[in-house]
């Protein structure tokens, strides 16, 4: 029997696409998430209501069934003990103090090398059965780099591939290639300072204290994704406007236009 046949609510293909590249055991985490949704449905009927809403067309037809209710957060945690044995847990939380109302899934991890917490936040709606196939669509994502000085650096981007593939490219650019792009340079400095701290060396730079990636929206067309990226970068993470922003150029079509203009000027400028 396939894993998908054992799941009542979780779309295993969507979960695979949105978690590709992570060290999570996809099957086990999908199972514990599904069990959490079954338990939630027994108490509130929300899981059934969400799936019915998705089948009917979701936002195209009406607001989500969660509107006006405390926010549901399902925290899926994968742990490993000193013997290398893994454990999988799902905790359902109701948050009355959250600004957002849409239910979300937290995939909680821990970096053994840096000894820092890491979390991926995925809209619950994107992981439920009944959505159109997500392959070939765009995802708007946010990377938040948390420091030991309680600062949070922000970077927004879009991708048609798995978002973690793109983040791994940023990480390699930071650590292996010493890229001078702002995201890569900042990430590298934070990692180096954290490594120095763990090795007992004095390093006065801010240190990486945590990493959060939020998938803000999934299943987007290219046009919709570009518009959303442009709006979020301008509002929160454009480095020329926001001190902790890590986007060097505007998002969306404005960013594409800026990059093309830069390339044109480089091509036209006389070689030294």
C-alpha atoms as a PDB file:
ATOM      1  CA  UNK A   1       0.000   0.000   0.000  1.00  0.00           C
ATOM      2  CA  UNK A   2       1.326   3.432  -0.935  1.00  0.00           C
ATOM      3  CA  UNK A   3       1.714   6.146   1.679  1.00  0.00           C
ATOM      4  CA  UNK A   4      -0.895   8.293  -0.088  1.00  0.00           C
ATOM      5  CA  UNK A   5      -3.464   5.524   0.341  1.00  0.00           C
ATOM      6  CA  UNK A   6      -2.919   5.617   4.110  1.00  0.00           C
ATOM      7  CA  UNK A   7      -3.434   9.371   4.480  1.00  0.00           C
ATOM      8  CA  UNK A   8      -6.826  10.957   5.035  1.00  0.00           C
ATOM      9  CA  UNK A   9      -5.957  14.630   4.623  1.00  0.00           C
ATOM     10  CA  UNK A  10      -2.317  15.132   3.595  1.00  0.00           C
ATOM     11  CA  UNK A  11      -1.372  15.424  -0.087  1.00  0.00           C
ATOM     12  CA  UNK A  12       1.932  13.538  -0.087  1.00  0.00           C
ATOM     13  CA  UNK A  13       2.958  14.889  -3.521  1.00  0.00           C
ATOM     14  CA  UNK A  14       2.470  18.499  -2.443  1.00  0.00           C
ATOM     15  CA  UNK A  15       4.348  17.858   0.793  1.00  0.00           C
ATOM     16  CA  UNK A  16       7.202  16.241  -1.149  1.00  0.00           C
ATOM     17  CA  UNK A  17       7.472  19.232  -3.492  1.00  0.00           C
ATOM     18  CA  UNK A  18       7.445  21.769  -0.646  1.00  0.00           C
ATOM     19  CA  UNK A  19       9.967  19.914   1.530  1.00  0.00           C
ATOM     20  CA  UNK A  20      12.400  18.607  -1.099  1.00  0.00           C
ATOM     21  CA  UNK A  21      15.977  18.939   0.110  1.00  0.00           C
ATOM     22  CA  UNK A  22      15.101  18.863   3.817  1.00  0.00           C
ATOM     23  CA  UNK A  23      16.342  16.081   6.092  1.00  0.00           C
ATOM     24  CA  UNK A  24      12.824  15.232   7.199  1.00  0.00           C
ATOM     25  CA  UNK A  25      11.552  11.686   6.757  1.00  0.00           C
ATOM     26  CA  UNK A  26       8.687  12.555   4.432  1.00  0.00           C
ATOM     27  CA  UNK A  27       6.625   9.436   5.087  1.00  0.00           C
ATOM     28  CA  UNK A  28       6.788   9.587   8.883  1.00  0.00           C
ATOM     29  CA  UNK A  29       6.184  13.331   9.057  1.00  0.00           C
ATOM     30  CA  UNK A  30       3.226  13.055   6.685  1.00  0.00           C
ATOM     31  CA  UNK A  31       1.797  10.310   8.880  1.00  0.00           C
ATOM     32  CA  UNK A  32       2.061  12.251  12.143  1.00  0.00           C
ATOM     33  CA  UNK A  33       0.665  15.364  10.474  1.00  0.00           C
ATOM     34  CA  UNK A  34      -2.267  13.344   9.147  1.00  0.00           C
ATOM     35  CA  UNK A  35      -2.932  11.897  12.595  1.00  0.00           C
ATOM     36  CA  UNK A  36      -2.892  15.403  14.066  1.00  0.00           C
ATOM     37  CA  UNK A  37      -5.431  16.521  11.451  1.00  0.00           C
ATOM     38  CA  UNK A  38      -7.655  13.547  12.266  1.00  0.00           C
ATOM     39  CA  UNK A  39      -7.556  14.479  15.948  1.00  0.00           C
ATOM     40  CA  UNK A  40      -8.261  18.139  15.118  1.00  0.00           C
ATOM     41  CA  UNK A  41     -11.210  17.118  12.964  1.00  0.00           C
ATOM     42  CA  UNK A  42     -12.677  14.979  15.729  1.00  0.00           C
ATOM     43  CA  UNK A  43     -12.782  18.077  17.943  1.00  0.00           C
ATOM     44  CA  UNK A  44     -13.590  20.909  15.525  1.00  0.00           C
ATOM     45  CA  UNK A  45     -14.434  19.444  12.071  1.00  0.00           C
ATOM     46  CA  UNK A  46     -11.942  21.978  10.683  1.00  0.00           C
ATOM     47  CA  UNK A  47      -9.975  19.431   8.618  1.00  0.00           C
ATOM     48  CA  UNK A  48     -13.109  18.302   6.761  1.00  0.00           C
ATOM     49  CA  UNK A  49     -14.225  21.903   6.335  1.00  0.00           C
ATOM     50  CA  UNK A  50     -10.832  22.922   4.917  1.00  0.00           C
ATOM     51  CA  UNK A  51     -10.831  20.078   2.384  1.00  0.00           C
ATOM     52  CA  UNK A  52     -14.403  20.857   1.303  1.00  0.00           C
ATOM     53  CA  UNK A  53     -13.500  24.543   0.943  1.00  0.00           C
ATOM     54  CA  UNK A  54     -10.470  23.639  -1.212  1.00  0.00           C
ATOM     55  CA  UNK A  55     -12.539  21.344  -3.447  1.00  0.00           C
ATOM     56  CA  UNK A  56     -15.084  24.137  -3.952  1.00  0.00           C
ATOM     57  CA  UNK A  57     -12.394  26.561  -5.146  1.00  0.00           C
ATOM     58  CA  UNK A  58     -11.042  28.026  -1.905  1.00  0.00           C
ATOM     59  CA  UNK A  59     -10.637  31.815  -2.025  1.00  0.00           C
ATOM     60  CA  UNK A  60     -12.347  32.014  -5.406  1.00  0.00           C
ATOM     61  CA  UNK A  61     -15.687  31.195  -3.795  1.00  0.00           C
ATOM     62  CA  UNK A  62     -15.512  32.280  -0.136  1.00  0.00           C
ATOM     63  CA  UNK A  63     -13.224  33.030   2.829  1.00  0.00           C
ATOM     64  CA  UNK A  64     -11.604  30.119   4.620  1.00  0.00           C
ATOM     65  CA  UNK A  65     -13.585  28.281   7.320  1.00  0.00           C
ATOM     66  CA  UNK A  66     -10.977  29.350   9.865  1.00  0.00           C
ATOM     67  CA  UNK A  67     -11.884  33.060   9.681  1.00  0.00           C
ATOM     68  CA  UNK A  68     -12.756  34.495  13.091  1.00  0.00           C
ATOM     69  CA  UNK A  69     -11.227  31.535  14.943  1.00  0.00           C
ATOM     70  CA  UNK A  70      -7.944  31.273  16.917  1.00  0.00           C
ATOM     71  CA  UNK A  71      -5.085  30.437  14.592  1.00  0.00           C
ATOM     72  CA  UNK A  72      -4.247  26.739  14.315  1.00  0.00           C
ATOM     73  CA  UNK A  73      -0.537  25.879  14.287  1.00  0.00           C
ATOM     74  CA  UNK A  74       0.504  22.259  13.854  1.00  0.00           C
ATOM     75  CA  UNK A  75       4.125  21.798  14.913  1.00  0.00           C
ATOM     76  CA  UNK A  76       5.704  18.699  13.347  1.00  0.00           C
ATOM     77  CA  UNK A  77       9.032  17.899  14.981  1.00  0.00           C
ATOM     78  CA  UNK A  78      11.656  15.367  13.974  1.00  0.00           C
ATOM     79  CA  UNK A  79      14.139  14.584  16.748  1.00  0.00           C
ATOM     80  CA  UNK A  80      17.201  12.371  17.030  1.00  0.00           C
ATOM     81  CA  UNK A  81      18.671  11.047  20.268  1.00  0.00           C
ATOM     82  CA  UNK A  82      22.309  10.315  21.099  1.00  0.00           C
ATOM     83  CA  UNK A  83      21.912   6.802  19.711  1.00  0.00           C
ATOM     84  CA  UNK A  84      20.778   8.086  16.330  1.00  0.00           C
ATOM     85  CA  UNK A  85      17.156   7.036  16.826  1.00  0.00           C
ATOM     86  CA  UNK A  86      14.569   9.364  15.314  1.00  0.00           C
ATOM     87  CA  UNK A  87      11.292  10.455  16.860  1.00  0.00           C
ATOM     88  CA  UNK A  88       8.342  12.196  15.210  1.00  0.00           C
ATOM     89  CA  UNK A  89       5.763  14.322  16.986  1.00  0.00           C
ATOM     90  CA  UNK A  90       2.906  16.644  16.003  1.00  0.00           C
ATOM     91  CA  UNK A  91       1.436  19.198  18.389  1.00  0.00           C
ATOM     92  CA  UNK A  92      -1.709  21.199  17.623  1.00  0.00           C
ATOM     93  CA  UNK A  93      -1.736  24.718  19.052  1.00  0.00           C
ATOM     94  CA  UNK A  94      -4.449  27.371  19.113  1.00  0.00           C
ATOM     95  CA  UNK A  95      -3.023  30.903  19.131  1.00  0.00           C
ATOM     96  CA  UNK A  96      -5.323  33.784  19.968  1.00  0.00           C
ATOM     97  CA  UNK A  97      -2.511  36.355  19.785  1.00  0.00           C
ATOM     98  CA  UNK A  98      -1.521  35.699  16.153  1.00  0.00           C
ATOM     99  CA  UNK A  99      -2.136  38.428  13.582  1.00  0.00           C
ATOM    100  CA  UNK A 100      -2.643  35.831  10.862  1.00  0.00           C
ATOM    101  CA  UNK A 101      -5.664  33.535  10.880  1.00  0.00           C
ATOM    102  CA  UNK A 102      -4.804  30.929   8.222  1.00  0.00           C
ATOM    103  CA  UNK A 103      -3.739  27.567   9.714  1.00  0.00           C
ATOM    104  CA  UNK A 104      -0.049  26.783   9.299  1.00  0.00           C
ATOM    105  CA  UNK A 105       2.269  23.794   9.678  1.00  0.00           C
ATOM    106  CA  UNK A 106       5.641  24.261  11.378  1.00  0.00           C
ATOM    107  CA  UNK A 107       8.349  21.776  10.405  1.00  0.00           C
ATOM    108  CA  UNK A 108      10.753  22.084  13.309  1.00  0.00           C
ATOM    109  CA  UNK A 109      14.380  20.967  13.088  1.00  0.00           C
ATOM    110  CA  UNK A 110      17.716  21.559  14.803  1.00  0.00           C
ATOM    111  CA  UNK A 111      21.128  22.074  13.245  1.00  0.00           C
ATOM    112  CA  UNK A 112      23.609  19.788  15.016  1.00  0.00           C
ATOM    113  CA  UNK A 113      26.581  21.620  13.495  1.00  0.00           C
ATOM    114  CA  UNK A 114      25.565  25.126  14.552  1.00  0.00           C
ATOM    115  CA  UNK A 115      23.324  24.054  17.467  1.00  0.00           C
ATOM    116  CA  UNK A 116      20.538  26.406  16.449  1.00  0.00           C
ATOM    117  CA  UNK A 117      16.795  25.883  15.862  1.00  0.00           C
ATOM    118  CA  UNK A 118      15.429  25.881  12.327  1.00  0.00           C
ATOM    119  CA  UNK A 119      11.822  26.011  11.174  1.00  0.00           C
ATOM    120  CA  UNK A 120       9.899  25.875   7.923  1.00  0.00           C
ATOM    121  CA  UNK A 121       6.394  27.345   7.924  1.00  0.00           C
ATOM    122  CA  UNK A 122       3.968  25.984   5.322  1.00  0.00           C
ATOM    123  CA  UNK A 123       0.323  27.031   4.860  1.00  0.00           C
ATOM    124  CA  UNK A 124      -1.827  24.081   5.895  1.00  0.00           C
ATOM    125  CA  UNK A 125      -4.012  24.669   2.867  1.00  0.00           C
ATOM    126  CA  UNK A 126      -1.091  23.852   0.554  1.00  0.00           C
ATOM    127  CA  UNK A 127      -0.630  20.404   2.107  1.00  0.00           C
ATOM    128  CA  UNK A 128      -4.238  19.238   1.982  1.00  0.00           C
ATOM    129  CA  UNK A 129      -5.844  16.925  -0.548  1.00  0.00           C
ATOM    130  CA  UNK A 130      -7.950  18.629  -3.222  1.00  0.00           C
ATOM    131  CA  UNK A 131      -5.604  21.360  -4.498  1.00  0.00           C
ATOM    132  CA  UNK A 132      -4.499  21.480  -8.141  1.00  0.00           C
ATOM    133  CA  UNK A 133      -1.042  19.911  -8.722  1.00  0.00           C
ATOM    134  CA  UNK A 134       1.655  22.191  -7.373  1.00  0.00           C
ATOM    135  CA  UNK A 135       4.452  21.142  -9.753  1.00  0.00           C
ATOM    136  CA  UNK A 136       5.156  23.820 -12.335  1.00  0.00           C
ATOM    137  CA  UNK A 137       3.783  26.642 -10.170  1.00  0.00           C
ATOM    138  CA  UNK A 138       5.620  29.330  -8.213  1.00  0.00           C
ATOM    139  CA  UNK A 139       6.212  29.738  -4.490  1.00  0.00           C
ATOM    140  CA  UNK A 140       6.790  33.030  -2.675  1.00  0.00           C
ATOM    141  CA  UNK A 141       9.136  32.459   0.260  1.00  0.00           C
ATOM    142  CA  UNK A 142      10.744  34.402   3.091  1.00  0.00           C
ATOM    143  CA  UNK A 143      14.079  33.626   4.736  1.00  0.00           C
ATOM    144  CA  UNK A 144      14.472  35.136   8.206  1.00  0.00           C
ATOM    145  CA  UNK A 145      17.973  35.030   9.735  1.00  0.00           C
ATOM    146  CA  UNK A 146      17.762  35.436  13.521  1.00  0.00           C
ATOM    147  CA  UNK A 147      20.779  36.741  15.425  1.00  0.00           C
ATOM    148  CA  UNK A 148      21.920  36.584  19.035  1.00  0.00           C
ATOM    149  CA  UNK A 149      21.285  40.330  19.232  1.00  0.00           C
ATOM    150  CA  UNK A 150      17.565  39.820  18.536  1.00  0.00           C
ATOM    151  CA  UNK A 151      17.796  41.266  15.029  1.00  0.00           C
ATOM    152  CA  UNK A 152      16.053  39.509  12.149  1.00  0.00           C
ATOM    153  CA  UNK A 153      17.361  39.860   8.596  1.00  0.00           C
ATOM    154  CA  UNK A 154      14.726  39.340   5.882  1.00  0.00           C
ATOM    155  CA  UNK A 155      14.920  38.122   2.295  1.00  0.00           C
ATOM    156  CA  UNK A 156      11.962  37.480  -0.045  1.00  0.00           C
ATOM    157  CA  UNK A 157      12.141  35.470  -3.240  1.00  0.00           C
ATOM    158  CA  UNK A 158      10.133  33.350  -5.650  1.00  0.00           C
ATOM    159  CA  UNK A 159      10.981  30.040  -7.256  1.00  0.00           C
ATOM    160  CA  UNK A 160       9.442  27.475  -9.574  1.00  0.00           C
ATOM    161  CA  UNK A 161      11.686  24.786  -8.155  1.00  0.00           C
ATOM    162  CA  UNK A 162      11.714  23.538  -4.593  1.00  0.00           C
ATOM    163  CA  UNK A 163      12.441  26.560  -2.390  1.00  0.00           C
ATOM    164  CA  UNK A 164      15.051  24.617  -0.407  1.00  0.00           C
ATOM    165  CA  UNK A 165      17.024  23.967  -3.599  1.00  0.00           C
ATOM    166  CA  UNK A 166      17.275  27.730  -4.032  1.00  0.00           C
ATOM    167  CA  UNK A 167      18.243  28.204  -0.379  1.00  0.00           C
ATOM    168  CA  UNK A 168      20.964  25.550  -0.654  1.00  0.00           C
ATOM    169  CA  UNK A 169      22.342  27.539  -3.575  1.00  0.00           C
ATOM    170  CA  UNK A 170      22.390  30.663  -1.407  1.00  0.00           C
ATOM    171  CA  UNK A 171      24.148  28.707   1.359  1.00  0.00           C
ATOM    172  CA  UNK A 172      26.804  27.329  -0.996  1.00  0.00           C
ATOM    173  CA  UNK A 173      27.319  30.834  -2.381  1.00  0.00           C
ATOM    174  CA  UNK A 174      27.819  32.094   1.153  1.00  0.00           C
ATOM    175  CA  UNK A 175      30.096  29.408   2.579  1.00  0.00           C
ATOM    176  CA  UNK A 176      31.935  27.884  -0.368  1.00  0.00           C
ATOM    177  CA  UNK A 177      32.085  30.672  -2.934  1.00  0.00           C
ATOM    178  CA  UNK A 178      32.137  33.760  -0.687  1.00  0.00           C
ATOM    179  CA  UNK A 179      29.536  35.474  -2.843  1.00  0.00           C
ATOM    180  CA  UNK A 180      29.274  39.227  -2.417  1.00  0.00           C
ATOM    181  CA  UNK A 181      25.492  39.225  -2.723  1.00  0.00           C
ATOM    182  CA  UNK A 182      23.998  40.659   0.423  1.00  0.00           C
ATOM    183  CA  UNK A 183      22.062  37.549   1.501  1.00  0.00           C
ATOM    184  CA  UNK A 184      25.032  35.253   0.976  1.00  0.00           C
ATOM    185  CA  UNK A 185      27.502  37.662   2.586  1.00  0.00           C
ATOM    186  CA  UNK A 186      25.313  38.218   5.643  1.00  0.00           C
ATOM    187  CA  UNK A 187      24.600  34.510   6.053  1.00  0.00           C
ATOM    188  CA  UNK A 188      28.289  33.698   5.794  1.00  0.00           C
ATOM    189  CA  UNK A 189      29.244  36.299   8.419  1.00  0.00           C
ATOM    190  CA  UNK A 190      26.574  35.034  10.829  1.00  0.00           C
ATOM    191  CA  UNK A 191      27.616  31.396  10.347  1.00  0.00           C
ATOM    192  CA  UNK A 192      31.326  32.164  10.752  1.00  0.00           C
ATOM    193  CA  UNK A 193      30.658  34.064  13.986  1.00  0.00           C
ATOM    194  CA  UNK A 194      28.497  31.216  15.330  1.00  0.00           C
ATOM    195  CA  UNK A 195      31.157  28.621  14.493  1.00  0.00           C
ATOM    196  CA  UNK A 196      33.790  30.751  16.224  1.00  0.00           C
ATOM    197  CA  UNK A 197      31.585  30.991  19.317  1.00  0.00           C
ATOM    198  CA  UNK A 198      31.112  27.223  19.425  1.00  0.00           C
ATOM    199  CA  UNK A 199      34.873  26.730  19.156  1.00  0.00           C
ATOM    200  CA  UNK A 200      35.552  29.156  21.999  1.00  0.00           C
ATOM    201  CA  UNK A 201      37.046  31.905  19.831  1.00  0.00           C
ATOM    202  CA  UNK A 202      36.262  35.579  20.344  1.00  0.00           C
ATOM    203  CA  UNK A 203      34.217  37.029  17.497  1.00  0.00           C
ATOM    204  CA  UNK A 204      32.415  40.315  18.055  1.00  0.00           C
ATOM    205  CA  UNK A 205      30.145  40.006  15.020  1.00  0.00           C
ATOM    206  CA  UNK A 206      26.457  39.060  15.368  1.00  0.00           C
ATOM    207  CA  UNK A 207      25.959  35.307  15.395  1.00  0.00           C
ATOM    208  CA  UNK A 208      23.313  33.158  13.736  1.00  0.00           C
ATOM    209  CA  UNK A 209      20.820  32.126  16.429  1.00  0.00           C
ATOM    210  CA  UNK A 210      18.061  30.613  14.315  1.00  0.00           C
ATOM    211  CA  UNK A 211      16.668  30.278  10.836  1.00  0.00           C
ATOM    212  CA  UNK A 212      13.024  30.480   9.758  1.00  0.00           C
ATOM    213  CA  UNK A 213      11.746  29.968   6.228  1.00  0.00           C
ATOM    214  CA  UNK A 214       8.110  30.833   5.605  1.00  0.00           C
ATOM    215  CA  UNK A 215       6.348  29.749   2.434  1.00  0.00           C
ATOM    216  CA  UNK A 216       4.099  32.775   2.132  1.00  0.00           C
ATOM    217  CA  UNK A 217       2.089  31.588  -0.852  1.00  0.00           C
ATOM    218  CA  UNK A 218       2.163  28.516  -3.099  1.00  0.00           C
ATOM    219  CA  UNK A 219       0.625  27.415  -6.399  1.00  0.00           C
ATOM    220  CA  UNK A 220       1.141  30.841  -7.988  1.00  0.00           C
ATOM    221  CA  UNK A 221       1.325  31.774 -11.643  1.00  0.00           C
ATOM    222  CA  UNK A 222       4.461  33.605 -12.751  1.00  0.00           C
ATOM    223  CA  UNK A 223       2.600  36.914 -13.044  1.00  0.00           C
ATOM    224  CA  UNK A 224       1.007  36.601  -9.615  1.00  0.00           C
ATOM    225  CA  UNK A 225       4.307  35.536  -8.040  1.00  0.00           C
ATOM    226  CA  UNK A 226       6.194  38.489  -9.531  1.00  0.00           C
ATOM    227  CA  UNK A 227       3.585  40.954  -8.290  1.00  0.00           C
ATOM    228  CA  UNK A 228       3.620  39.439  -4.795  1.00  0.00           C
ATOM    229  CA  UNK A 229       7.425  39.434  -4.641  1.00  0.00           C
ATOM    230  CA  UNK A 230       7.638  43.064  -5.740  1.00  0.00           C
ATOM    231  CA  UNK A 231       5.125  44.110  -3.081  1.00  0.00           C
ATOM    232  CA  UNK A 232       6.748  42.186  -0.201  1.00  0.00           C
ATOM    233  CA  UNK A 233      10.332  43.193  -1.038  1.00  0.00           C
ATOM    234  CA  UNK A 234       9.364  46.864  -1.206  1.00  0.00           C
ATOM    235  CA  UNK A 235       7.405  46.663   2.056  1.00  0.00           C
ATOM    236  CA  UNK A 236       9.843  44.642   4.150  1.00  0.00           C
ATOM    237  CA  UNK A 237      13.231  43.651   2.725  1.00  0.00           C
ATOM    238  CA  UNK A 238      14.672  46.034   0.123  1.00  0.00           C
ATOM    239  CA  UNK A 239      18.090  46.879   1.517  1.00  0.00           C
ATOM    240  CA  UNK A 240      17.991  50.513   0.381  1.00  0.00           C
ATOM    241  CA  UNK A 241      14.781  51.064   2.416  1.00  0.00           C
ATOM    242  CA  UNK A 242      15.044  48.645   5.335  1.00  0.00           C
ATOM    243  CA  UNK A 243      18.171  48.325   7.545  1.00  0.00           C
ATOM    244  CA  UNK A 244      17.716  44.555   7.965  1.00  0.00           C
ATOM    245  CA  UNK A 245      16.568  43.878   4.406  1.00  0.00           C
ATOM    246  CA  UNK A 246      18.707  41.542   2.295  1.00  0.00           C
ATOM    247  CA  UNK A 247      17.182  42.064  -1.175  1.00  0.00           C
ATOM    248  CA  UNK A 248      19.655  44.166  -3.150  1.00  0.00           C
ATOM    249  CA  UNK A 249      17.215  45.038  -5.948  1.00  0.00           C
ATOM    250  CA  UNK A 250      13.410  45.380  -6.103  1.00  0.00           C
ATOM    251  CA  UNK A 251      11.371  42.229  -6.522  1.00  0.00           C
ATOM    252  CA  UNK A 252       9.152  41.194  -9.407  1.00  0.00           C
ATOM    253  CA  UNK A 253       9.172  42.986 -12.758  1.00  0.00           C
ATOM    254  CA  UNK A 254      10.879  46.021 -11.206  1.00  0.00           C
ATOM    255  CA  UNK A 255      13.802  43.804 -10.233  1.00  0.00           C
ATOM    256  CA  UNK A 256      13.936  42.170 -13.663  1.00  0.00           C
ATOM    257  CA  UNK A 257      14.010  45.618 -15.278  1.00  0.00           C
ATOM    258  CA  UNK A 258      16.793  46.718 -12.895  1.00  0.00           C
ATOM    259  CA  UNK A 259      18.863  43.610 -13.676  1.00  0.00           C
ATOM    260  CA  UNK A 260      18.424  44.088 -17.439  1.00  0.00           C
ATOM    261  CA  UNK A 261      19.469  47.720 -17.192  1.00  0.00           C
ATOM    262  CA  UNK A 262      22.547  46.754 -15.192  1.00  0.00           C
ATOM    263  CA  UNK A 263      23.478  44.100 -17.773  1.00  0.00           C
ATOM    264  CA  UNK A 264      22.999  46.585 -20.608  1.00  0.00           C
ATOM    265  CA  UNK A 265      25.257  49.152 -18.978  1.00  0.00           C
ATOM    266  CA  UNK A 266      27.954  46.551 -18.364  1.00  0.00           C
ATOM    267  CA  UNK A 267      27.813  45.486 -21.995  1.00  0.00           C
ATOM    268  CA  UNK A 268      28.005  49.046 -23.290  1.00  0.00           C
ATOM    269  CA  UNK A 269      30.733  50.255 -20.932  1.00  0.00           C
ATOM    270  CA  UNK A 270      34.271  50.221 -22.444  1.00  0.00           C
ATOM    271  CA  UNK A 271      36.558  47.549 -21.073  1.00  0.00           C
ATOM    272  CA  UNK A 272      39.335  48.779 -18.829  1.00  0.00           C
END
